[in-house]
Amino acid sequence: MAPEAPDPRGRLEAEDRIFAALAHPSRRQILLTLRFRGGRMSAGEIAERFGCTWPTTSRHLGVLRDAGLVSVERMGRERTYVLERDRLACLGSWLAWFGDEGEKE
């Protein structure tokens, strides 16, 4: 049996959450920092790297989590944020609509 095609409406909503999360420069910077720091950092380490207050940092991390761009691992009181690189793959698919591939002259 062939796998079902993903729900188009659900896919669009997921892409909207990702684009909305990436709209803020601080969230893009958090993702880049995670990427170049091995893909995982504690909440405290992330907060130390940015000049934002803890509530602001927490809000940014929540938006990234809701978009599926980071996941959270809890160990006791500490939270570690993990970059979910595969979630960014949909951006390549979306951007491909604007490439030259497949266009006829």
PDB file of N, CA and C in Angstrom:
ATOM      1  N   MET A   1       0.838  -1.172   0.000  1.00  0.00           N
ATOM      2  CA  MET A   1       0.000   0.000   0.000  1.00  0.00           C
ATOM      3  C   MET A   1       0.891   1.246   0.000  1.00  0.00           C
ATOM      4  N   ALA A   2       0.604   2.191  -0.888  1.00  0.00           N
ATOM      5  CA  ALA A   2       1.394   3.420  -1.010  1.00  0.00           C
ATOM      6  C   ALA A   2       1.075   4.355   0.145  1.00  0.00           C
ATOM      7  N   PRO A   3       2.087   5.086   0.631  1.00  0.00           N
ATOM      8  CA  PRO A   3       1.806   6.033   1.709  1.00  0.00           C
ATOM      9  C   PRO A   3       0.917   7.161   1.220  1.00  0.00           C
ATOM     10  N   GLU A   4       0.098   7.667   2.139  1.00  0.00           N
ATOM     11  CA  GLU A   4      -0.804   8.760   1.779  1.00  0.00           C
ATOM     12  C   GLU A   4      -0.016  10.042   1.582  1.00  0.00           C
ATOM     13  N   ALA A   5      -0.496  10.858   0.640  1.00  0.00           N
ATOM     14  CA  ALA A   5       0.113  12.177   0.434  1.00  0.00           C
ATOM     15  C   ALA A   5      -0.174  13.033   1.662  1.00  0.00           C
ATOM     16  N   PRO A   6       0.777  13.886   2.043  1.00  0.00           N
ATOM     17  CA  PRO A   6       0.534  14.728   3.208  1.00  0.00           C
ATOM     18  C   PRO A   6      -0.641  15.673   2.974  1.00  0.00           C
ATOM     19  N   ASP A   7      -1.346  15.981   4.047  1.00  0.00           N
ATOM     20  CA  ASP A   7      -2.478  16.900   3.992  1.00  0.00           C
ATOM     21  C   ASP A   7      -1.983  18.262   3.523  1.00  0.00           C
ATOM     22  N   PRO A   8      -2.440  18.749   2.366  1.00  0.00           N
ATOM     23  CA  PRO A   8      -1.944  20.033   1.842  1.00  0.00           C
ATOM     24  C   PRO A   8      -2.196  21.199   2.791  1.00  0.00           C
ATOM     25  N   ARG A   9      -3.350  21.234   3.416  1.00  0.00           N
ATOM     26  CA  ARG A   9      -3.661  22.341   4.333  1.00  0.00           C
ATOM     27  C   ARG A   9      -2.728  22.286   5.542  1.00  0.00           C
ATOM     28  N   GLY A  10      -2.502  21.101   6.074  1.00  0.00           N
ATOM     29  CA  GLY A  10      -1.592  20.947   7.212  1.00  0.00           C
ATOM     30  C   GLY A  10      -0.172  21.329   6.842  1.00  0.00           C
ATOM     31  N   ARG A  11       0.230  20.971   5.636  1.00  0.00           N
ATOM     32  CA  ARG A  11       1.572  21.321   5.170  1.00  0.00           C
ATOM     33  C   ARG A  11       1.735  22.831   5.051  1.00  0.00           C
ATOM     34  N   LEU A  12       0.716  23.500   4.493  1.00  0.00           N
ATOM     35  CA  LEU A  12       0.765  24.960   4.363  1.00  0.00           C
ATOM     36  C   LEU A  12       0.804  25.637   5.737  1.00  0.00           C
ATOM     37  N   GLU A  13       0.029  25.123   6.672  1.00  0.00           N
ATOM     38  CA  GLU A  13       0.035  25.695   8.023  1.00  0.00           C
ATOM     39  C   GLU A  13       1.399  25.515   8.684  1.00  0.00           C
ATOM     40  N   ALA A  14       2.013  24.352   8.476  1.00  0.00           N
ATOM     41  CA  ALA A  14       3.347  24.105   9.036  1.00  0.00           C
ATOM     42  C   ALA A  14       4.368  25.048   8.409  1.00  0.00           C
ATOM     43  N   GLU A  15       4.285  25.247   7.095  1.00  0.00           N
ATOM     44  CA  GLU A  15       5.196  26.177   6.423  1.00  0.00           C
ATOM     45  C   GLU A  15       4.986  27.592   6.921  1.00  0.00           C
ATOM     46  N   ASP A  16       3.732  27.988   7.140  1.00  0.00           N
ATOM     47  CA  ASP A  16       3.445  29.324   7.661  1.00  0.00           C
ATOM     48  C   ASP A  16       4.081  29.519   9.035  1.00  0.00           C
ATOM     49  N   ARG A  17       3.998  28.503   9.902  1.00  0.00           N
ATOM     50  CA  ARG A  17       4.616  28.606  11.229  1.00  0.00           C
ATOM     51  C   ARG A  17       6.130  28.742  11.118  1.00  0.00           C
ATOM     52  N   ILE A  18       6.727  28.009  10.179  1.00  0.00           N
ATOM     53  CA  ILE A  18       8.177  28.085   9.998  1.00  0.00           C
ATOM     54  C   ILE A  18       8.578  29.465   9.492  1.00  0.00           C
ATOM     55  N   PHE A  19       7.892  29.968   8.472  1.00  0.00           N
ATOM     56  CA  PHE A  19       8.221  31.295   7.946  1.00  0.00           C
ATOM     57  C   PHE A  19       8.006  32.374   9.004  1.00  0.00           C
ATOM     58  N   ALA A  20       6.935  32.263   9.791  1.00  0.00           N
ATOM     59  CA  ALA A  20       6.687  33.243  10.853  1.00  0.00           C
ATOM     60  C   ALA A  20       7.795  33.189  11.900  1.00  0.00           C
ATOM     61  N   ALA A  21       8.243  31.985  12.234  1.00  0.00           N
ATOM     62  CA  ALA A  21       9.327  31.846  13.213  1.00  0.00           C
ATOM     63  C   ALA A  21      10.616  32.460  12.688  1.00  0.00           C
ATOM     64  N   LEU A  22      10.867  32.308  11.401  1.00  0.00           N
ATOM     65  CA  LEU A  22      12.103  32.824  10.804  1.00  0.00           C
ATOM     66  C   LEU A  22      12.042  34.323  10.518  1.00  0.00           C
ATOM     67  N   ALA A  23      10.883  34.930  10.683  1.00  0.00           N
ATOM     68  CA  ALA A  23      10.725  36.352  10.362  1.00  0.00           C
ATOM     69  C   ALA A  23      11.497  37.251  11.325  1.00  0.00           C
ATOM     70  N   HIS A  24      11.770  36.772  12.523  1.00  0.00           N
ATOM     71  CA  HIS A  24      12.451  37.617  13.513  1.00  0.00           C
ATOM     72  C   HIS A  24      13.951  37.312  13.519  1.00  0.00           C
ATOM     73  N   PRO A  25      14.787  38.357  13.430  1.00  0.00           N
ATOM     74  CA  PRO A  25      16.241  38.126  13.364  1.00  0.00           C
ATOM     75  C   PRO A  25      16.812  37.406  14.589  1.00  0.00           C
ATOM     76  N   SER A  26      16.241  37.618  15.769  1.00  0.00           N
ATOM     77  CA  SER A  26      16.753  36.923  16.953  1.00  0.00           C
ATOM     78  C   SER A  26      16.540  35.415  16.849  1.00  0.00           C
ATOM     79  N   ARG A  27      15.406  35.011  16.306  1.00  0.00           N
ATOM     80  CA  ARG A  27      15.145  33.574  16.163  1.00  0.00           C
ATOM     81  C   ARG A  27      16.059  32.952  15.116  1.00  0.00           C
ATOM     82  N   ARG A  28      16.318  33.689  14.034  1.00  0.00           N
ATOM     83  CA  ARG A  28      17.273  33.180  13.036  1.00  0.00           C
ATOM     84  C   ARG A  28      18.654  33.034  13.665  1.00  0.00           C
ATOM     85  N   GLN A  29      19.027  33.997  14.497  1.00  0.00           N
ATOM     86  CA  GLN A  29      20.334  33.942  15.160  1.00  0.00           C
ATOM     87  C   GLN A  29      20.410  32.770  16.135  1.00  0.00           C
ATOM     88  N   ILE A  30      19.326  32.499  16.845  1.00  0.00           N
ATOM     89  CA  ILE A  30      19.293  31.343  17.749  1.00  0.00           C
ATOM     90  C   ILE A  30      19.514  30.066  16.962  1.00  0.00           C
ATOM     91  N   LEU A  31      18.839  29.932  15.823  1.00  0.00           N
ATOM     92  CA  LEU A  31      19.003  28.726  14.995  1.00  0.00           C
ATOM     93  C   LEU A  31      20.436  28.598  14.490  1.00  0.00           C
ATOM     94  N   LEU A  32      21.024  29.701  14.037  1.00  0.00           N
ATOM     95  CA  LEU A  32      22.416  29.651  13.568  1.00  0.00           C
ATOM     96  C   LEU A  32      23.365  29.276  14.703  1.00  0.00           C
ATOM     97  N   THR A  33      23.123  29.842  15.866  1.00  0.00           N
ATOM     98  CA  THR A  33      23.971  29.534  17.017  1.00  0.00           C
ATOM     99  C   THR A  33      23.865  28.050  17.365  1.00  0.00           C
ATOM    100  N   LEU A  34      22.650  27.533  17.392  1.00  0.00           N
ATOM    101  CA  LEU A  34      22.476  26.103  17.648  1.00  0.00           C
ATOM    102  C   LEU A  34      23.210  25.269  16.608  1.00  0.00           C
ATOM    103  N   ARG A  35      23.080  25.663  15.359  1.00  0.00           N
ATOM    104  CA  ARG A  35      23.716  24.906  14.265  1.00  0.00           C
ATOM    105  C   ARG A  35      25.228  24.836  14.440  1.00  0.00           C
ATOM    106  N   PHE A  36      25.845  25.967  14.776  1.00  0.00           N
ATOM    107  CA  PHE A  36      27.304  26.001  14.851  1.00  0.00           C
ATOM    108  C   PHE A  36      27.841  25.652  16.233  1.00  0.00           C
ATOM    109  N   ARG A  37      26.946  25.349  17.175  1.00  0.00           N
ATOM    110  CA  ARG A  37      27.363  24.884  18.497  1.00  0.00           C
ATOM    111  C   ARG A  37      27.006  23.425  18.696  1.00  0.00           C
ATOM    112  N   GLY A  38      26.895  22.680  17.618  1.00  0.00           N
ATOM    113  CA  GLY A  38      26.660  21.242  17.720  1.00  0.00           C
ATOM    114  C   GLY A  38      25.204  20.829  17.718  1.00  0.00           C
ATOM    115  N   GLY A  39      24.291  21.779  17.518  1.00  0.00           N
ATOM    116  CA  GLY A  39      22.879  21.426  17.381  1.00  0.00           C
ATOM    117  C   GLY A  39      22.111  21.326  18.674  1.00  0.00           C
ATOM    118  N   ARG A  40      22.766  21.572  19.806  1.00  0.00           N
ATOM    119  CA  ARG A  40      22.057  21.491  21.085  1.00  0.00           C
ATOM    120  C   ARG A  40      22.720  22.392  22.111  1.00  0.00           C
ATOM    121  N   MET A  41      21.878  23.116  22.834  1.00  0.00           N
ATOM    122  CA  MET A  41      22.359  24.017  23.883  1.00  0.00           C
ATOM    123  C   MET A  41      21.303  24.101  24.973  1.00  0.00           C
ATOM    124  N   SER A  42      21.757  24.359  26.184  1.00  0.00           N
ATOM    125  CA  SER A  42      20.805  24.548  27.271  1.00  0.00           C
ATOM    126  C   SER A  42      20.154  25.918  27.111  1.00  0.00           C
ATOM    127  N   ALA A  43      19.014  26.074  27.754  1.00  0.00           N
ATOM    128  CA  ALA A  43      18.315  27.358  27.708  1.00  0.00           C
ATOM    129  C   ALA A  43      19.201  28.459  28.269  1.00  0.00           C
ATOM    130  N   GLY A  44      19.937  28.171  29.332  1.00  0.00           N
ATOM    131  CA  GLY A  44      20.831  29.158  29.924  1.00  0.00           C
ATOM    132  C   GLY A  44      21.938  29.579  28.983  1.00  0.00           C
ATOM    133  N   GLU A  45      22.506  28.615  28.257  1.00  0.00           N
ATOM    134  CA  GLU A  45      23.565  28.935  27.290  1.00  0.00           C
ATOM    135  C   GLU A  45      23.035  29.833  26.177  1.00  0.00           C
ATOM    136  N   ILE A  46      21.822  29.558  25.728  1.00  0.00           N
ATOM    137  CA  ILE A  46      21.222  30.367  24.671  1.00  0.00           C
ATOM    138  C   ILE A  46      20.975  31.785  25.197  1.00  0.00           C
ATOM    139  N   ALA A  47      20.420  31.883  26.389  1.00  0.00           N
ATOM    140  CA  ALA A  47      20.109  33.195  26.961  1.00  0.00           C
ATOM    141  C   ALA A  47      21.378  34.022  27.159  1.00  0.00           C
ATOM    142  N   GLU A  48      22.484  33.395  27.546  1.00  0.00           N
ATOM    143  CA  GLU A  48      23.743  34.104  27.751  1.00  0.00           C
ATOM    144  C   GLU A  48      24.272  34.726  26.464  1.00  0.00           C
ATOM    145  N   ARG A  49      23.979  34.107  25.332  1.00  0.00           N
ATOM    146  CA  ARG A  49      24.525  34.561  24.053  1.00  0.00           C
ATOM    147  C   ARG A  49      23.786  35.760  23.475  1.00  0.00           C
ATOM    148  N   PHE A  50      22.619  36.055  24.016  1.00  0.00           N
ATOM    149  CA  PHE A  50      21.791  37.110  23.450  1.00  0.00           C
ATOM    150  C   PHE A  50      21.525  38.176  24.496  1.00  0.00           C
ATOM    151  N   GLY A  51      21.373  39.400  24.053  1.00  0.00           N
ATOM    152  CA  GLY A  51      21.155  40.511  24.953  1.00  0.00           C
ATOM    153  C   GLY A  51      19.702  40.711  25.344  1.00  0.00           C
ATOM    154  N   CYS A  52      18.897  39.688  25.213  1.00  0.00           N
ATOM    155  CA  CYS A  52      17.477  39.789  25.540  1.00  0.00           C
ATOM    156  C   CYS A  52      17.250  39.381  26.990  1.00  0.00           C
ATOM    157  N   THR A  53      16.135  39.837  27.540  1.00  0.00           N
ATOM    158  CA  THR A  53      15.738  39.379  28.863  1.00  0.00           C
ATOM    159  C   THR A  53      15.316  37.920  28.769  1.00  0.00           C
ATOM    160  N   TRP A  54      15.268  37.235  29.910  1.00  0.00           N
ATOM    161  CA  TRP A  54      14.880  35.822  29.885  1.00  0.00           C
ATOM    162  C   TRP A  54      13.469  35.636  29.328  1.00  0.00           C
ATOM    163  N   PRO A  55      12.469  36.439  29.708  1.00  0.00           N
ATOM    164  CA  PRO A  55      11.136  36.236  29.113  1.00  0.00           C
ATOM    165  C   PRO A  55      11.136  36.373  27.591  1.00  0.00           C
ATOM    166  N   THR A  56      11.919  37.304  27.064  1.00  0.00           N
ATOM    167  CA  THR A  56      11.983  37.479  25.606  1.00  0.00           C
ATOM    168  C   THR A  56      12.636  36.262  24.962  1.00  0.00           C
ATOM    169  N   THR A  57      13.735  35.799  25.538  1.00  0.00           N
ATOM    170  CA  THR A  57      14.413  34.608  25.014  1.00  0.00           C
ATOM    171  C   THR A  57      13.481  33.406  25.070  1.00  0.00           C
ATOM    172  N   SER A  58      12.788  33.259  26.182  1.00  0.00           N
ATOM    173  CA  SER A  58      11.850  32.148  26.352  1.00  0.00           C
ATOM    174  C   SER A  58      10.742  32.204  25.311  1.00  0.00           C
ATOM    175  N   ARG A  59      10.247  33.394  25.038  1.00  0.00           N
ATOM    176  CA  ARG A  59       9.195  33.562  24.024  1.00  0.00           C
ATOM    177  C   ARG A  59       9.718  33.170  22.638  1.00  0.00           C
ATOM    178  N   HIS A  60      10.939  33.600  22.298  1.00  0.00           N
ATOM    179  CA  HIS A  60      11.531  33.219  21.006  1.00  0.00           C
ATOM    180  C   HIS A  60      11.692  31.703  20.912  1.00  0.00           C
ATOM    181  N   LEU A  61      12.170  31.086  21.976  1.00  0.00           N
ATOM    182  CA  LEU A  61      12.339  29.628  21.972  1.00  0.00           C
ATOM    183  C   LEU A  61      10.994  28.922  21.839  1.00  0.00           C
ATOM    184  N   GLY A  62       9.956  29.478  22.433  1.00  0.00           N
ATOM    185  CA  GLY A  62       8.620  28.901  22.308  1.00  0.00           C
ATOM    186  C   GLY A  62       8.106  28.950  20.877  1.00  0.00           C
ATOM    187  N   VAL A  63       8.348  30.059  20.193  1.00  0.00           N
ATOM    188  CA  VAL A  63       7.932  30.179  18.785  1.00  0.00           C
ATOM    189  C   VAL A  63       8.688  29.151  17.938  1.00  0.00           C
ATOM    190  N   LEU A  64       9.981  29.018  18.174  1.00  0.00           N
ATOM    191  CA  LEU A  64      10.776  28.037  17.419  1.00  0.00           C
ATOM    192  C   LEU A  64      10.298  26.616  17.704  1.00  0.00           C
ATOM    193  N   ARG A  65       9.957  26.341  18.956  1.00  0.00           N
ATOM    194  CA  ARG A  65       9.453  25.016  19.324  1.00  0.00           C
ATOM    195  C   ARG A  65       8.105  24.755  18.665  1.00  0.00           C
ATOM    196  N   ASP A  66       7.201  25.745  18.694  1.00  0.00           N
ATOM    197  CA  ASP A  66       5.878  25.576  18.091  1.00  0.00           C
ATOM    198  C   ASP A  66       5.964  25.353  16.584  1.00  0.00           C
ATOM    199  N   ALA A  67       6.987  25.911  15.952  1.00  0.00           N
ATOM    200  CA  ALA A  67       7.189  25.715  14.512  1.00  0.00           C
ATOM    201  C   ALA A  67       7.889  24.395  14.225  1.00  0.00           C
ATOM    202  N   GLY A  68       8.336  23.707  15.267  1.00  0.00           N
ATOM    203  CA  GLY A  68       9.022  22.427  15.081  1.00  0.00           C
ATOM    204  C   GLY A  68      10.482  22.577  14.704  1.00  0.00           C
ATOM    205  N   LEU A  69      11.024  23.784  14.816  1.00  0.00           N
ATOM    206  CA  LEU A  69      12.415  24.015  14.431  1.00  0.00           C
ATOM    207  C   LEU A  69      13.394  23.623  15.530  1.00  0.00           C
ATOM    208  N   VAL A  70      12.911  23.548  16.752  1.00  0.00           N
ATOM    209  CA  VAL A  70      13.704  23.025  17.862  1.00  0.00           C
ATOM    210  C   VAL A  70      12.807  22.101  18.673  1.00  0.00           C
ATOM    211  N   SER A  71      13.428  21.151  19.333  1.00  0.00           N
ATOM    212  CA  SER A  71      12.721  20.324  20.297  1.00  0.00           C
ATOM    213  C   SER A  71      13.389  20.543  21.650  1.00  0.00           C
ATOM    214  N   VAL A  72      12.732  20.099  22.693  1.00  0.00           N
ATOM    215  CA  VAL A  72      13.233  20.320  24.048  1.00  0.00           C
ATOM    216  C   VAL A  72      13.429  18.982  24.735  1.00  0.00           C
ATOM    217  N   GLU A  73      14.607  18.819  25.319  1.00  0.00           N
ATOM    218  CA  GLU A  73      14.895  17.654  26.154  1.00  0.00           C
ATOM    219  C   GLU A  73      15.035  18.169  27.579  1.00  0.00           C
ATOM    220  N   ARG A  74      14.353  17.527  28.503  1.00  0.00           N
ATOM    221  CA  ARG A  74      14.405  17.958  29.893  1.00  0.00           C
ATOM    222  C   ARG A  74      15.180  16.948  30.716  1.00  0.00           C
ATOM    223  N   MET A  75      16.094  17.467  31.508  1.00  0.00           N
ATOM    224  CA  MET A  75      16.841  16.657  32.464  1.00  0.00           C
ATOM    225  C   MET A  75      16.776  17.397  33.788  1.00  0.00           C
ATOM    226  N   GLY A  76      15.898  16.946  34.658  1.00  0.00           N
ATOM    227  CA  GLY A  76      15.699  17.657  35.911  1.00  0.00           C
ATOM    228  C   GLY A  76      15.113  19.028  35.625  1.00  0.00           C
ATOM    229  N   ARG A  77      15.782  20.061  36.124  1.00  0.00           N
ATOM    230  CA  ARG A  77      15.299  21.424  35.913  1.00  0.00           C
ATOM    231  C   ARG A  77      15.856  22.047  34.640  1.00  0.00           C
ATOM    232  N   GLU A  78      16.832  21.417  34.042  1.00  0.00           N
ATOM    233  CA  GLU A  78      17.474  21.991  32.863  1.00  0.00           C
ATOM    234  C   GLU A  78      16.772  21.551  31.583  1.00  0.00           C
ATOM    235  N   ARG A  79      16.657  22.504  30.673  1.00  0.00           N
ATOM    236  CA  ARG A  79      16.088  22.211  29.354  1.00  0.00           C
ATOM    237  C   ARG A  79      17.178  22.401  28.312  1.00  0.00           C
ATOM    238  N   THR A  80      17.285  21.430  27.440  1.00  0.00           N
ATOM    239  CA  THR A  80      18.223  21.518  26.328  1.00  0.00           C
ATOM    240  C   THR A  80      17.411  21.647  25.056  1.00  0.00           C
ATOM    241  N   TYR A  81      17.766  22.634  24.253  1.00  0.00           N
ATOM    242  CA  TYR A  81      17.087  22.856  22.978  1.00  0.00           C
ATOM    243  C   TYR A  81      17.907  22.216  21.876  1.00  0.00           C
ATOM    244  N   VAL A  82      17.233  21.444  21.021  1.00  0.00           N
ATOM    245  CA  VAL A  82      17.875  20.679  19.965  1.00  0.00           C
ATOM    246  C   VAL A  82      17.351  21.173  18.623  1.00  0.00           C
ATOM    247  N   LEU A  83      18.273  21.514  17.739  1.00  0.00           N
ATOM    248  CA  LEU A  83      17.914  21.979  16.408  1.00  0.00           C
ATOM    249  C   LEU A  83      17.330  20.828  15.594  1.00  0.00           C
ATOM    250  N   GLU A  84      16.195  21.058  14.972  1.00  0.00           N
ATOM    251  CA  GLU A  84      15.538  20.070  14.109  1.00  0.00           C
ATOM    252  C   GLU A  84      15.767  20.481  12.656  1.00  0.00           C
ATOM    253  N   ARG A  85      16.954  20.167  12.163  1.00  0.00           N
ATOM    254  CA  ARG A  85      17.357  20.615  10.817  1.00  0.00           C
ATOM    255  C   ARG A  85      16.436  20.114   9.719  1.00  0.00           C
ATOM    256  N   ASP A  86      15.890  18.925   9.870  1.00  0.00           N
ATOM    257  CA  ASP A  86      15.042  18.362   8.821  1.00  0.00           C
ATOM    258  C   ASP A  86      13.779  19.204   8.591  1.00  0.00           C
ATOM    259  N   ARG A  87      13.337  19.949   9.611  1.00  0.00           N
ATOM    260  CA  ARG A  87      12.150  20.795   9.450  1.00  0.00           C
ATOM    261  C   ARG A  87      12.412  21.953   8.502  1.00  0.00           C
ATOM    262  N   LEU A  88      13.664  22.306   8.318  1.00  0.00           N
ATOM    263  CA  LEU A  88      14.000  23.405   7.413  1.00  0.00           C
ATOM    264  C   LEU A  88      13.994  22.956   5.951  1.00  0.00           C
ATOM    265  N   ALA A  89      13.906  21.656   5.714  1.00  0.00           N
ATOM    266  CA  ALA A  89      13.923  21.138   4.349  1.00  0.00           C
ATOM    267  C   ALA A  89      12.746  21.656   3.526  1.00  0.00           C
ATOM    268  N   CYS A  90      11.623  21.926   4.174  1.00  0.00           N
ATOM    269  CA  CYS A  90      10.453  22.407   3.419  1.00  0.00           C
ATOM    270  C   CYS A  90      10.743  23.749   2.770  1.00  0.00           C
ATOM    271  N   LEU A  91      11.691  24.510   3.324  1.00  0.00           N
ATOM    272  CA  LEU A  91      12.024  25.794   2.715  1.00  0.00           C
ATOM    273  C   LEU A  91      12.622  25.602   1.335  1.00  0.00           C
ATOM    274  N   GLY A  92      13.468  24.590   1.189  1.00  0.00           N
ATOM    275  CA  GLY A  92      14.048  24.302  -0.118  1.00  0.00           C
ATOM    276  C   GLY A  92      12.981  23.925  -1.127  1.00  0.00           C
ATOM    277  N   SER A  93      12.016  23.127  -0.680  1.00  0.00           N
ATOM    278  CA  SER A  93      10.918  22.737  -1.568  1.00  0.00           C
ATOM    279  C   SER A  93      10.096  23.948  -1.980  1.00  0.00           C
ATOM    280  N   TRP A  94       9.845  24.835  -1.031  1.00  0.00           N
ATOM    281  CA  TRP A  94       9.064  26.035  -1.334  1.00  0.00           C
ATOM    282  C   TRP A  94       9.837  26.957  -2.265  1.00  0.00           C
ATOM    283  N   LEU A  95      11.120  27.156  -1.993  1.00  0.00           N
ATOM    284  CA  LEU A  95      11.941  28.035  -2.832  1.00  0.00           C
ATOM    285  C   LEU A  95      12.135  27.475  -4.239  1.00  0.00           C
ATOM    286  N   ALA A  96      12.035  26.160  -4.381  1.00  0.00           N
ATOM    287  CA  ALA A  96      12.206  25.537  -5.699  1.00  0.00           C
ATOM    288  C   ALA A  96      11.151  26.035  -6.692  1.00  0.00           C
ATOM    289  N   TRP A  97       9.994  26.479  -6.188  1.00  0.00           N
ATOM    290  CA  TRP A  97       8.966  27.016  -7.072  1.00  0.00           C
ATOM    291  C   TRP A  97       9.464  28.228  -7.854  1.00  0.00           C
ATOM    292  N   PHE A  98      10.509  28.883  -7.342  1.00  0.00           N
ATOM    293  CA  PHE A  98      10.985  30.104  -7.961  1.00  0.00           C
ATOM    294  C   PHE A  98      12.278  29.900  -8.742  1.00  0.00           C
ATOM    295  N   GLY A  99      12.717  28.649  -8.849  1.00  0.00           N
ATOM    296  CA  GLY A  99      13.923  28.343  -9.602  1.00  0.00           C
ATOM    297  C   GLY A  99      13.632  28.237 -11.080  1.00  0.00           C
ATOM    298  N   ASP A 100      14.682  28.089 -11.855  1.00  0.00           N
ATOM    299  CA  ASP A 100      14.554  27.993 -13.300  1.00  0.00           C
ATOM    300  C   ASP A 100      14.265  26.566 -13.768  1.00  0.00           C
ATOM    301  N   GLU A 101      14.443  25.569 -12.889  1.00  0.00           N
ATOM    302  CA  GLU A 101      14.227  24.196 -13.291  1.00  0.00           C
ATOM    303  C   GLU A 101      12.778  23.995 -13.756  1.00  0.00           C
ATOM    304  N   GLY A 102      12.619  23.351 -14.823  1.00  0.00           N
ATOM    305  CA  GLY A 102      11.296  23.012 -15.312  1.00  0.00           C
ATOM    306  C   GLY A 102      10.611  24.098 -16.121  1.00  0.00           C
ATOM    307  N   GLU A 103      11.186  25.269 -16.190  1.00  0.00           N
ATOM    308  CA  GLU A 103      10.589  26.321 -17.000  1.00  0.00           C
ATOM    309  C   GLU A 103      10.981  26.112 -18.451  1.00  0.00           C
ATOM    310  N   LYS A 104      10.034  26.350 -19.318  1.00  0.00           N
ATOM    311  CA  LYS A 104      10.315  26.211 -20.740  1.00  0.00           C
ATOM    312  C   LYS A 104      10.459  27.596 -21.337  1.00  0.00           C
ATOM    313  N   GLU A 105      11.388  27.713 -22.254  1.00  0.00           N
ATOM    314  CA  GLU A 105      11.617  28.998 -22.909  1.00  0.00           C
ATOM    315  C   GLU A 105      10.730  29.151 -24.114  1.00  0.00           C
TER     316      GLU A 105
END
